[in-house]
Amino acid sequence: RATEPEWETVRRKLDGFSQEGARVRYWIRSADQRFAYGVPLLLEDGW
């Protein structure tokens, strides 16, 4: 997926995999926020 419209399919697919309470989570870090995904887990202090 190399374009912004195609990236929407990535978001939908990862949303489908990341149901509430699921034991697997996904996120994508990118310099361009248009191609970022998800919110990182809230970590304990020092982690």
All heavy atoms as atom14 arrays in JSON, in Angstrom:
{
  "sequence": "RATEPEWETVRRKLDGFSQEGARVRYWIRSADQRFAYGVPLLLEDGW",
  "atom14_mask": [
    [1, 1, 1, 1, 1, 1, 1, 1, 1, 1, 1, 0, 0, 0],
    [1, 1, 1, 1, 1, 0, 0, 0, 0, 0, 0, 0, 0, 0],
    [1, 1, 1, 1, 1, 1, 1, 0, 0, 0, 0, 0, 0, 0],
    [1, 1, 1, 1, 1, 1, 1, 1, 1, 0, 0, 0, 0, 0],
    [1, 1, 1, 1, 1, 1, 1, 0, 0, 0, 0, 0, 0, 0],
    [1, 1, 1, 1, 1, 1, 1, 1, 1, 0, 0, 0, 0, 0],
    [1, 1, 1, 1, 1, 1, 1, 1, 1, 1, 1, 1, 1, 1],
    [1, 1, 1, 1, 1, 1, 1, 1, 1, 0, 0, 0, 0, 0],
    [1, 1, 1, 1, 1, 1, 1, 0, 0, 0, 0, 0, 0, 0],
    [1, 1, 1, 1, 1, 1, 1, 0, 0, 0, 0, 0, 0, 0],
    [1, 1, 1, 1, 1, 1, 1, 1, 1, 1, 1, 0, 0, 0],
    [1, 1, 1, 1, 1, 1, 1, 1, 1, 1, 1, 0, 0, 0],
    [1, 1, 1, 1, 1, 1, 1, 1, 1, 0, 0, 0, 0, 0],
    [1, 1, 1, 1, 1, 1, 1, 1, 0, 0, 0, 0, 0, 0],
    [1, 1, 1, 1, 1, 1, 1, 1, 0, 0, 0, 0, 0, 0],
    [1, 1, 1, 1, 0, 0, 0, 0, 0, 0, 0, 0, 0, 0],
    [1, 1, 1, 1, 1, 1, 1, 1, 1, 1, 1, 0, 0, 0],
    [1, 1, 1, 1, 1, 1, 0, 0, 0, 0, 0, 0, 0, 0],
    [1, 1, 1, 1, 1, 1, 1, 1, 1, 0, 0, 0, 0, 0],
    [1, 1, 1, 1, 1, 1, 1, 1, 1, 0, 0, 0, 0, 0],
    [1, 1, 1, 1, 0, 0, 0, 0, 0, 0, 0, 0, 0, 0],
    [1, 1, 1, 1, 1, 0, 0, 0, 0, 0, 0, 0, 0, 0],
    [1, 1, 1, 1, 1, 1, 1, 1, 1, 1, 1, 0, 0, 0],
    [1, 1, 1, 1, 1, 1, 1, 0, 0, 0, 0, 0, 0, 0],
    [1, 1, 1, 1, 1, 1, 1, 1, 1, 1, 1, 0, 0, 0],
    [1, 1, 1, 1, 1, 1, 1, 1, 1, 1, 1, 1, 0, 0],
    [1, 1, 1, 1, 1, 1, 1, 1, 1, 1, 1, 1, 1, 1],
    [1, 1, 1, 1, 1, 1, 1, 1, 0, 0, 0, 0, 0, 0],
    [1, 1, 1, 1, 1, 1, 1, 1, 1, 1, 1, 0, 0, 0],
    [1, 1, 1, 1, 1, 1, 0, 0, 0, 0, 0, 0, 0, 0],
    [1, 1, 1, 1, 1, 0, 0, 0, 0, 0, 0, 0, 0, 0],
    [1, 1, 1, 1, 1, 1, 1, 1, 0, 0, 0, 0, 0, 0],
    [1, 1, 1, 1, 1, 1, 1, 1, 1, 0, 0, 0, 0, 0],
    [1, 1, 1, 1, 1, 1, 1, 1, 1, 1, 1, 0, 0, 0],
    [1, 1, 1, 1, 1, 1, 1, 1, 1, 1, 1, 0, 0, 0],
    [1, 1, 1, 1, 1, 0, 0, 0, 0, 0, 0, 0, 0, 0],
    [1, 1, 1, 1, 1, 1, 1, 1, 1, 1, 1, 1, 0, 0],
    [1, 1, 1, 1, 0, 0, 0, 0, 0, 0, 0, 0, 0, 0],
    [1, 1, 1, 1, 1, 1, 1, 0, 0, 0, 0, 0, 0, 0],
    [1, 1, 1, 1, 1, 1, 1, 0, 0, 0, 0, 0, 0, 0],
    [1, 1, 1, 1, 1, 1, 1, 1, 0, 0, 0, 0, 0, 0],
    [1, 1, 1, 1, 1, 1, 1, 1, 0, 0, 0, 0, 0, 0],
    [1, 1, 1, 1, 1, 1, 1, 1, 0, 0, 0, 0, 0, 0],
    [1, 1, 1, 1, 1, 1, 1, 1, 1, 0, 0, 0, 0, 0],
    [1, 1, 1, 1, 1, 1, 1, 1, 0, 0, 0, 0, 0, 0],
    [1, 1, 1, 1, 0, 0, 0, 0, 0, 0, 0, 0, 0, 0],
    [1, 1, 1, 1, 1, 1, 1, 1, 1, 1, 1, 1, 1, 1]
  ],
  "atom14_positions": [
    [[0.86, -1.19, 0.0], [0.0, 0.0, 0.0], [0.89, 1.23, 0.0], [1.57, 1.52, 1.0], [-0.91, 0.0, 1.22], [-2.25, -0.67, 1.0], [-2.14, -2.05, 0.44], [-3.44, -2.67, 0.16], [-3.57, -3.86, -0.38], [-2.51, -4.56, -0.72], [-4.78, -4.35, -0.62], [0.0, 0.0, 0.0], [0.0, 0.0, 0.0], [0.0, 0.0, 0.0]],
    [[0.89, 1.97, -1.14], [1.84, 3.06, -1.33], [1.2, 4.44, -1.43], [1.9, 5.44, -1.51], [2.68, 2.8, -2.59], [0.0, 0.0, 0.0], [0.0, 0.0, 0.0], [0.0, 0.0, 0.0], [0.0, 0.0, 0.0], [0.0, 0.0, 0.0], [0.0, 0.0, 0.0], [0.0, 0.0, 0.0], [0.0, 0.0, 0.0], [0.0, 0.0, 0.0]],
    [[-0.14, 4.52, -1.43], [-0.82, 5.81, -1.54], [-1.75, 5.99, -0.36], [-2.09, 5.04, 0.35], [-1.62, 5.9, -2.85], [-2.68, 4.93, -2.82], [-0.73, 5.65, -4.06], [0.0, 0.0, 0.0], [0.0, 0.0, 0.0], [0.0, 0.0, 0.0], [0.0, 0.0, 0.0], [0.0, 0.0, 0.0], [0.0, 0.0, 0.0], [0.0, 0.0, 0.0]],
    [[-2.16, 7.25, -0.16], [-3.03, 7.54, 0.98], [-4.38, 6.83, 0.87], [-4.87, 6.29, 1.88], [-3.22, 9.05, 1.1], [-3.94, 9.46, 2.38], [-3.95, 10.96, 2.59], [-3.31, 11.68, 1.78], [-4.58, 11.41, 3.56], [0.0, 0.0, 0.0], [0.0, 0.0, 0.0], [0.0, 0.0, 0.0], [0.0, 0.0, 0.0], [0.0, 0.0, 0.0]],
    [[-5.02, 6.79, -0.3], [-6.28, 6.02, -0.39], [-6.08, 4.54, -0.08], [-6.92, 3.91, 0.58], [-6.72, 6.24, -1.84], [-6.09, 7.53, -2.23], [-4.77, 7.55, -1.54], [0.0, 0.0, 0.0], [0.0, 0.0, 0.0], [0.0, 0.0, 0.0], [0.0, 0.0, 0.0], [0.0, 0.0, 0.0], [0.0, 0.0, 0.0], [0.0, 0.0, 0.0]],
    [[-4.98, 3.98, -0.56], [-4.71, 2.57, -0.26], [-4.45, 2.37, 1.23], [-4.73, 1.29, 1.78], [-3.51, 2.09, -1.07], [-3.76, 1.98, -2.56], [-2.53, 1.55, -3.32], [-1.4, 1.79, -2.81], [-2.67, 0.96, -4.4], [0.0, 0.0, 0.0], [0.0, 0.0, 0.0], [0.0, 0.0, 0.0], [0.0, 0.0, 0.0], [0.0, 0.0, 0.0]],
    [[-3.91, 3.39, 1.87], [-3.6, 3.26, 3.3], [-4.87, 3.12, 4.13], [-4.84, 2.55, 5.23], [-2.79, 4.46, 3.76], [-2.15, 4.25, 5.09], [-2.5, 4.79, 6.28], [-1.02, 3.39, 5.37], [-1.68, 4.35, 7.29], [-0.76, 3.48, 6.75], [-0.23, 2.56, 4.57], [0.27, 2.78, 7.35], [0.8, 1.87, 5.18], [1.05, 1.97, 6.55]],
    [[-5.97, 3.63, 3.62], [-7.23, 3.47, 4.35], [-7.6, 1.99, 4.46], [-8.22, 1.58, 5.44], [-8.34, 4.25, 3.65], [-8.23, 5.76, 3.81], [-8.2, 6.18, 5.26], [-9.0, 5.65, 6.05], [-7.36, 7.04, 5.61], [0.0, 0.0, 0.0], [0.0, 0.0, 0.0], [0.0, 0.0, 0.0], [0.0, 0.0, 0.0], [0.0, 0.0, 0.0]],
    [[-7.25, 1.19, 3.46], [-7.54, -0.25, 3.56], [-6.67, -0.88, 4.64], [-7.09, -1.85, 5.29], [-7.28, -0.94, 2.21], [-5.89, -0.84, 1.88], [-8.11, -0.28, 1.1], [0.0, 0.0, 0.0], [0.0, 0.0, 0.0], [0.0, 0.0, 0.0], [0.0, 0.0, 0.0], [0.0, 0.0, 0.0], [0.0, 0.0, 0.0], [0.0, 0.0, 0.0]],
    [[-5.45, -0.35, 4.82], [-4.59, -0.84, 5.91], [-5.24, -0.54, 7.24], [-5.29, -1.4, 8.14], [-3.19, -0.2, 5.82], [-2.35, -0.57, 7.05], [-2.48, -0.61, 4.54], [0.0, 0.0, 0.0], [0.0, 0.0, 0.0], [0.0, 0.0, 0.0], [0.0, 0.0, 0.0], [0.0, 0.0, 0.0], [0.0, 0.0, 0.0], [0.0, 0.0, 0.0]],
    [[-5.76, 0.66, 7.41], [-6.41, 1.04, 8.68], [-7.61, 0.12, 8.97], [-7.78, -0.36, 10.09], [-6.88, 2.49, 8.61], [-5.76, 3.52, 8.51], [-6.35, 4.92, 8.42], [-5.32, 5.91, 8.17], [-4.58, 6.49, 9.12], [-4.8, 6.15, 10.38], [-3.67, 7.38, 8.8], [0.0, 0.0, 0.0], [0.0, 0.0, 0.0], [0.0, 0.0, 0.0]],
    [[-8.43, -0.11, 7.94], [-9.61, -0.95, 8.14], [-9.21, -2.39, 8.49], [-9.85, -3.03, 9.34], [-10.5, -0.92, 6.9], [-11.22, 0.41, 6.7], [-12.35, 0.27, 5.67], [-11.83, -0.06, 4.35], [-11.5, 0.85, 3.44], [-11.62, 2.15, 3.71], [-11.06, 0.49, 2.24], [0.0, 0.0, 0.0], [0.0, 0.0, 0.0], [0.0, 0.0, 0.0]],
    [[-8.18, -2.87, 7.82], [-7.74, -4.24, 8.09], [-7.2, -4.38, 9.51], [-7.53, -5.33, 10.23], [-6.67, -4.67, 7.08], [-6.38, -6.17, 7.1], [-5.44, -6.55, 5.98], [-5.31, -8.06, 5.84], [-6.56, -8.7, 5.41], [0.0, 0.0, 0.0], [0.0, 0.0, 0.0], [0.0, 0.0, 0.0], [0.0, 0.0, 0.0], [0.0, 0.0, 0.0]],
    [[-6.38, -3.43, 9.93], [-5.83, -3.49, 11.29], [-6.92, -3.26, 12.32], [-6.87, -3.84, 13.42], [-4.71, -2.46, 11.44], [-3.45, -2.73, 10.61], [-2.41, -1.64, 10.85], [-2.86, -4.1, 10.91], [0.0, 0.0, 0.0], [0.0, 0.0, 0.0], [0.0, 0.0, 0.0], [0.0, 0.0, 0.0], [0.0, 0.0, 0.0], [0.0, 0.0, 0.0]],
    [[-7.92, -2.41, 11.99], [-9.05, -2.25, 12.91], [-9.79, -3.56, 13.1], [-10.23, -3.89, 14.2], [-10.02, -1.19, 12.35], [-9.5, 0.23, 12.52], [-8.59, 0.42, 13.35], [-9.98, 1.12, 11.81], [0.0, 0.0, 0.0], [0.0, 0.0, 0.0], [0.0, 0.0, 0.0], [0.0, 0.0, 0.0], [0.0, 0.0, 0.0], [0.0, 0.0, 0.0]],
    [[-9.92, -4.32, 12.01], [-10.59, -5.6, 12.1], [-9.83, -6.6, 12.95], [-10.43, -7.4, 13.68], [0.0, 0.0, 0.0], [0.0, 0.0, 0.0], [0.0, 0.0, 0.0], [0.0, 0.0, 0.0], [0.0, 0.0, 0.0], [0.0, 0.0, 0.0], [0.0, 0.0, 0.0], [0.0, 0.0, 0.0], [0.0, 0.0, 0.0], [0.0, 0.0, 0.0]],
    [[-8.52, -6.54, 12.89], [-7.69, -7.43, 13.71], [-7.63, -6.96, 15.17], [-7.41, -7.77, 16.07], [-6.28, -7.51, 13.14], [-6.14, -8.48, 12.0], [-6.45, -8.09, 10.71], [-5.7, -9.77, 12.22], [-6.33, -8.98, 9.65], [-5.58, -10.67, 11.16], [-5.9, -10.27, 9.88], [0.0, 0.0, 0.0], [0.0, 0.0, 0.0], [0.0, 0.0, 0.0]],
    [[-7.76, -5.65, 15.4], [-7.58, -5.08, 16.74], [-8.93, -4.8, 17.38], [-9.31, -3.65, 17.59], [-6.77, -3.79, 16.65], [-5.52, -4.02, 16.03], [0.0, 0.0, 0.0], [0.0, 0.0, 0.0], [0.0, 0.0, 0.0], [0.0, 0.0, 0.0], [0.0, 0.0, 0.0], [0.0, 0.0, 0.0], [0.0, 0.0, 0.0], [0.0, 0.0, 0.0]],
    [[-9.69, -5.83, 17.67], [-10.96, -5.66, 18.35], [-10.73, -5.3, 19.81], [-9.68, -5.57, 20.39], [-11.79, -6.95, 18.26], [-12.16, -7.34, 16.84], [-13.02, -6.3, 16.14], [-13.82, -5.63, 16.79], [-12.85, -6.16, 14.84], [0.0, 0.0, 0.0], [0.0, 0.0, 0.0], [0.0, 0.0, 0.0], [0.0, 0.0, 0.0], [0.0, 0.0, 0.0]],
    [[-11.72, -4.68, 20.43], [-11.62, -4.28, 21.83], [-11.35, -5.5, 22.71], [-12.04, -6.49, 22.65], [-12.92, -3.6, 22.28], [-12.87, -3.04, 23.69], [-11.93, -1.85, 23.8], [-11.7, -1.18, 22.77], [-11.43, -1.63, 24.9], [0.0, 0.0, 0.0], [0.0, 0.0, 0.0], [0.0, 0.0, 0.0], [0.0, 0.0, 0.0], [0.0, 0.0, 0.0]],
    [[-10.33, -5.39, 23.55], [-9.98, -6.48, 24.45], [-9.15, -7.56, 23.8], [-8.86, -8.57, 24.43], [0.0, 0.0, 0.0], [0.0, 0.0, 0.0], [0.0, 0.0, 0.0], [0.0, 0.0, 0.0], [0.0, 0.0, 0.0], [0.0, 0.0, 0.0], [0.0, 0.0, 0.0], [0.0, 0.0, 0.0], [0.0, 0.0, 0.0], [0.0, 0.0, 0.0]],
    [[-8.77, -7.37, 22.54], [-7.97, -8.39, 21.86], [-6.59, -8.48, 22.49], [-6.07, -7.5, 23.02], [-7.86, -8.06, 20.38], [0.0, 0.0, 0.0], [0.0, 0.0, 0.0], [0.0, 0.0, 0.0], [0.0, 0.0, 0.0], [0.0, 0.0, 0.0], [0.0, 0.0, 0.0], [0.0, 0.0, 0.0], [0.0, 0.0, 0.0], [0.0, 0.0, 0.0]],
    [[-5.99, -9.65, 22.4], [-4.68, -9.85, 22.99], [-3.55, -9.46, 22.06], [-2.37, -9.57, 22.42], [-4.51, -11.31, 23.43], [-4.76, -12.32, 22.33], [-4.8, -13.73, 22.88], [-3.54, -14.13, 23.46], [-2.6, -14.79, 22.79], [-2.77, -15.06, 21.49], [-1.48, -15.15, 23.37], [0.0, 0.0, 0.0], [0.0, 0.0, 0.0], [0.0, 0.0, 0.0]],
    [[-3.88, -9.01, 20.84], [-2.88, -8.54, 19.89], [-3.23, -7.11, 19.49], [-4.38, -6.82, 19.16], [-2.8, -9.44, 18.64], [-1.73, -8.93, 17.69], [-2.51, -10.88, 19.03], [0.0, 0.0, 0.0], [0.0, 0.0, 0.0], [0.0, 0.0, 0.0], [0.0, 0.0, 0.0], [0.0, 0.0, 0.0], [0.0, 0.0, 0.0], [0.0, 0.0, 0.0]],
    [[-2.26, -6.24, 19.56], [-2.45, -4.84, 19.16], [-1.41, -4.48, 18.1], [-0.31, -5.03, 18.08], [-2.29, -3.91, 20.37], [-3.22, -4.22, 21.53], [-4.65, -3.83, 21.24], [-5.54, -4.19, 22.33], [-5.75, -3.42, 23.39], [-5.14, -2.25, 23.5], [-6.59, -3.81, 24.34], [0.0, 0.0, 0.0], [0.0, 0.0, 0.0], [0.0, 0.0, 0.0]],
    [[-1.78, -3.49, 17.27], [-0.89, -3.05, 16.2], [-0.79, -1.52, 16.23], [-1.77, -0.85, 16.54], [-1.44, -3.45, 14.82], [-1.84, -4.91, 14.71], [-3.15, -5.31, 14.96], [-0.91, -5.87, 14.34], [-3.53, -6.63, 14.84], [-1.28, -7.21, 14.22], [-2.59, -7.58, 14.48], [-2.96, -8.89, 14.37], [0.0, 0.0, 0.0], [0.0, 0.0, 0.0]],
    [[0.37, -1.02, 15.91], [0.49, 0.4, 15.6], [1.66, 0.62, 14.66], [2.59, -0.18, 14.59], [0.55, 1.28, 16.85], [1.74, 1.17, 17.72], [2.9, 1.89, 17.64], [1.91, 0.32, 18.86], [3.76, 1.55, 18.63], [3.18, 0.59, 19.41], [1.09, -0.64, 19.48], [3.67, -0.07, 20.53], [1.59, -1.28, 20.6], [2.85, -1.01, 21.11]],
    [[1.56, 1.73, 13.93], [2.55, 2.06, 12.92], [3.07, 3.47, 13.19], [2.26, 4.41, 13.33], [1.95, 1.97, 11.5], [1.47, 0.55, 11.23], [2.97, 2.4, 10.45], [0.72, 0.39, 9.91], [0.0, 0.0, 0.0], [0.0, 0.0, 0.0], [0.0, 0.0, 0.0], [0.0, 0.0, 0.0], [0.0, 0.0, 0.0], [0.0, 0.0, 0.0]],
    [[4.36, 3.6, 13.28], [4.98, 4.9, 13.49], [5.57, 5.39, 12.16], [6.26, 4.64, 11.47], [6.06, 4.81, 14.56], [5.49, 4.46, 15.92], [6.44, 4.71, 17.06], [7.53, 3.75, 17.1], [8.26, 3.51, 18.2], [8.0, 4.18, 19.32], [9.24, 2.64, 18.18], [0.0, 0.0, 0.0], [0.0, 0.0, 0.0], [0.0, 0.0, 0.0]],
    [[5.29, 6.66, 11.87], [5.73, 7.22, 10.6], [6.0, 8.71, 10.76], [5.35, 9.39, 11.59], [4.66, 7.0, 9.51], [4.99, 7.7, 8.33], [0.0, 0.0, 0.0], [0.0, 0.0, 0.0], [0.0, 0.0, 0.0], [0.0, 0.0, 0.0], [0.0, 0.0, 0.0], [0.0, 0.0, 0.0], [0.0, 0.0, 0.0], [0.0, 0.0, 0.0]],
    [[6.97, 9.21, 10.01], [7.24, 10.65, 10.02], [6.07, 11.42, 9.41], [5.85, 12.58, 9.75], [8.54, 10.94, 9.25], [0.0, 0.0, 0.0], [0.0, 0.0, 0.0], [0.0, 0.0, 0.0], [0.0, 0.0, 0.0], [0.0, 0.0, 0.0], [0.0, 0.0, 0.0], [0.0, 0.0, 0.0], [0.0, 0.0, 0.0], [0.0, 0.0, 0.0]],
    [[5.33, 10.8, 8.53], [4.14, 11.39, 7.92], [2.92, 10.79, 8.61], [2.63, 9.6, 8.47], [4.13, 11.08, 6.42], [3.0, 11.81, 5.69], [2.07, 12.3, 6.36], [3.06, 11.87, 4.45], [0.0, 0.0, 0.0], [0.0, 0.0, 0.0], [0.0, 0.0, 0.0], [0.0, 0.0, 0.0], [0.0, 0.0, 0.0], [0.0, 0.0, 0.0]],
    [[2.21, 11.61, 9.38], [1.09, 11.11, 10.17], [-0.05, 10.56, 9.32], [-0.9, 9.84, 9.83], [0.57, 12.23, 11.08], [1.53, 12.61, 12.19], [1.92, 11.41, 13.05], [1.06, 10.69, 13.55], [3.22, 11.18, 13.2], [0.0, 0.0, 0.0], [0.0, 0.0, 0.0], [0.0, 0.0, 0.0], [0.0, 0.0, 0.0], [0.0, 0.0, 0.0]],
    [[-0.06, 10.87, 8.05], [-1.08, 10.29, 7.19], [-0.91, 8.77, 7.1], [-1.87, 8.05, 6.8], [-1.01, 10.9, 5.79], [-1.34, 12.38, 5.71], [-1.2, 12.86, 4.28], [0.13, 12.57, 3.76], [0.46, 12.6, 2.46], [-0.48, 12.88, 1.55], [1.7, 12.35, 2.06], [0.0, 0.0, 0.0], [0.0, 0.0, 0.0], [0.0, 0.0, 0.0]],
    [[0.31, 8.29, 7.33], [0.59, 6.87, 7.22], [0.92, 6.24, 8.58], [1.58, 5.2, 8.65], [1.75, 6.65, 6.24], [1.43, 7.07, 4.84], [1.75, 8.34, 4.39], [0.77, 6.21, 3.98], [1.45, 8.74, 3.09], [0.46, 6.6, 2.69], [0.8, 7.87, 2.24], [0.0, 0.0, 0.0], [0.0, 0.0, 0.0], [0.0, 0.0, 0.0]],
    [[0.47, 6.88, 9.65], [0.6, 6.33, 11.01], [-0.69, 5.6, 11.36], [-1.74, 5.8, 10.74], [0.9, 7.43, 12.01], [0.0, 0.0, 0.0], [0.0, 0.0, 0.0], [0.0, 0.0, 0.0], [0.0, 0.0, 0.0], [0.0, 0.0, 0.0], [0.0, 0.0, 0.0], [0.0, 0.0, 0.0], [0.0, 0.0, 0.0], [0.0, 0.0, 0.0]],
    [[-0.6, 4.76, 12.37], [-1.79, 4.02, 12.79], [-1.67, 3.67, 14.26], [-0.61, 3.27, 14.75], [-1.96, 2.73, 11.99], [-3.09, 1.86, 12.5], [-4.4, 2.11, 12.14], [-2.83, 0.81, 13.38], [-5.45, 1.35, 12.63], [-3.86, 0.03, 13.88], [-5.17, 0.3, 13.5], [-6.2, -0.45, 14.0], [0.0, 0.0, 0.0], [0.0, 0.0, 0.0]],
    [[-2.83, 3.78, 14.94], [-2.95, 3.28, 16.3], [-2.35, 4.19, 17.34], [-1.6, 5.13, 17.06], [0.0, 0.0, 0.0], [0.0, 0.0, 0.0], [0.0, 0.0, 0.0], [0.0, 0.0, 0.0], [0.0, 0.0, 0.0], [0.0, 0.0, 0.0], [0.0, 0.0, 0.0], [0.0, 0.0, 0.0], [0.0, 0.0, 0.0], [0.0, 0.0, 0.0]],
    [[-2.7, 3.88, 18.59], [-2.18, 4.6, 19.76], [-1.37, 3.62, 20.58], [-1.87, 2.55, 20.95], [-3.33, 5.18, 20.61], [-2.77, 5.89, 21.84], [-4.17, 6.12, 19.78], [0.0, 0.0, 0.0], [0.0, 0.0, 0.0], [0.0, 0.0, 0.0], [0.0, 0.0, 0.0], [0.0, 0.0, 0.0], [0.0, 0.0, 0.0], [0.0, 0.0, 0.0]],
    [[-0.1, 3.93, 20.85], [0.72, 3.01, 21.64], [0.1, 2.73, 23.01], [-0.64, 3.55, 23.56], [2.06, 3.75, 21.78], [2.09, 4.69, 20.62], [0.66, 5.11, 20.4], [0.0, 0.0, 0.0], [0.0, 0.0, 0.0], [0.0, 0.0, 0.0], [0.0, 0.0, 0.0], [0.0, 0.0, 0.0], [0.0, 0.0, 0.0], [0.0, 0.0, 0.0]],
    [[0.39, 1.56, 23.54], [-0.12, 1.18, 24.85], [0.43, 2.1, 25.93], [1.56, 2.59, 25.83], [0.28, -0.27, 25.15], [-0.31, -1.33, 24.21], [0.4, -2.67, 24.44], [-1.8, -1.48, 24.42], [0.0, 0.0, 0.0], [0.0, 0.0, 0.0], [0.0, 0.0, 0.0], [0.0, 0.0, 0.0], [0.0, 0.0, 0.0], [0.0, 0.0, 0.0]],
    [[-0.38, 2.33, 26.96], [0.04, 3.17, 28.07], [0.96, 2.35, 28.98], [0.53, 1.39, 29.61], [-1.19, 3.66, 28.86], [-0.94, 4.63, 30.01], [-0.29, 5.91, 29.49], [-2.24, 4.94, 30.74], [0.0, 0.0, 0.0], [0.0, 0.0, 0.0], [0.0, 0.0, 0.0], [0.0, 0.0, 0.0], [0.0, 0.0, 0.0], [0.0, 0.0, 0.0]],
    [[2.23, 2.75, 29.04], [3.23, 1.97, 29.73], [3.42, 2.43, 31.18], [3.13, 3.58, 31.52], [4.58, 2.06, 29.0], [4.57, 1.69, 27.52], [5.98, 1.76, 26.96], [3.98, 0.31, 27.29], [0.0, 0.0, 0.0], [0.0, 0.0, 0.0], [0.0, 0.0, 0.0], [0.0, 0.0, 0.0], [0.0, 0.0, 0.0], [0.0, 0.0, 0.0]],
    [[3.9, 1.51, 32.0], [4.26, 1.84, 33.36], [5.46, 2.79, 33.34], [6.23, 2.84, 32.38], [4.63, 0.57, 34.14], [3.45, -0.33, 34.47], [2.69, 0.13, 35.7], [3.01, 1.23, 36.22], [1.77, -0.59, 36.13], [0.0, 0.0, 0.0], [0.0, 0.0, 0.0], [0.0, 0.0, 0.0], [0.0, 0.0, 0.0], [0.0, 0.0, 0.0]],
    [[5.6, 3.57, 34.42], [6.72, 4.5, 34.53], [8.04, 3.74, 34.43], [8.22, 2.69, 35.07], [6.66, 5.26, 35.85], [5.43, 6.16, 35.93], [4.92, 6.52, 34.86], [5.01, 6.48, 37.06], [0.0, 0.0, 0.0], [0.0, 0.0, 0.0], [0.0, 0.0, 0.0], [0.0, 0.0, 0.0], [0.0, 0.0, 0.0], [0.0, 0.0, 0.0]],
    [[8.96, 4.27, 33.65], [10.28, 3.65, 33.5], [10.36, 2.66, 32.37], [11.44, 2.15, 32.08], [0.0, 0.0, 0.0], [0.0, 0.0, 0.0], [0.0, 0.0, 0.0], [0.0, 0.0, 0.0], [0.0, 0.0, 0.0], [0.0, 0.0, 0.0], [0.0, 0.0, 0.0], [0.0, 0.0, 0.0], [0.0, 0.0, 0.0], [0.0, 0.0, 0.0]],
    [[9.24, 2.37, 31.73], [9.23, 1.43, 30.6], [9.08, 2.2, 29.28], [8.44, 3.27, 29.24], [8.08, 0.43, 30.73], [8.28, -0.58, 31.82], [8.11, -0.39, 33.15], [8.69, -1.94, 31.66], [8.38, -1.54, 33.84], [8.74, -2.51, 32.95], [9.01, -2.73, 30.57], [9.1, -3.83, 33.17], [9.37, -4.05, 30.78], [9.42, -4.59, 32.07]]
  ]
}
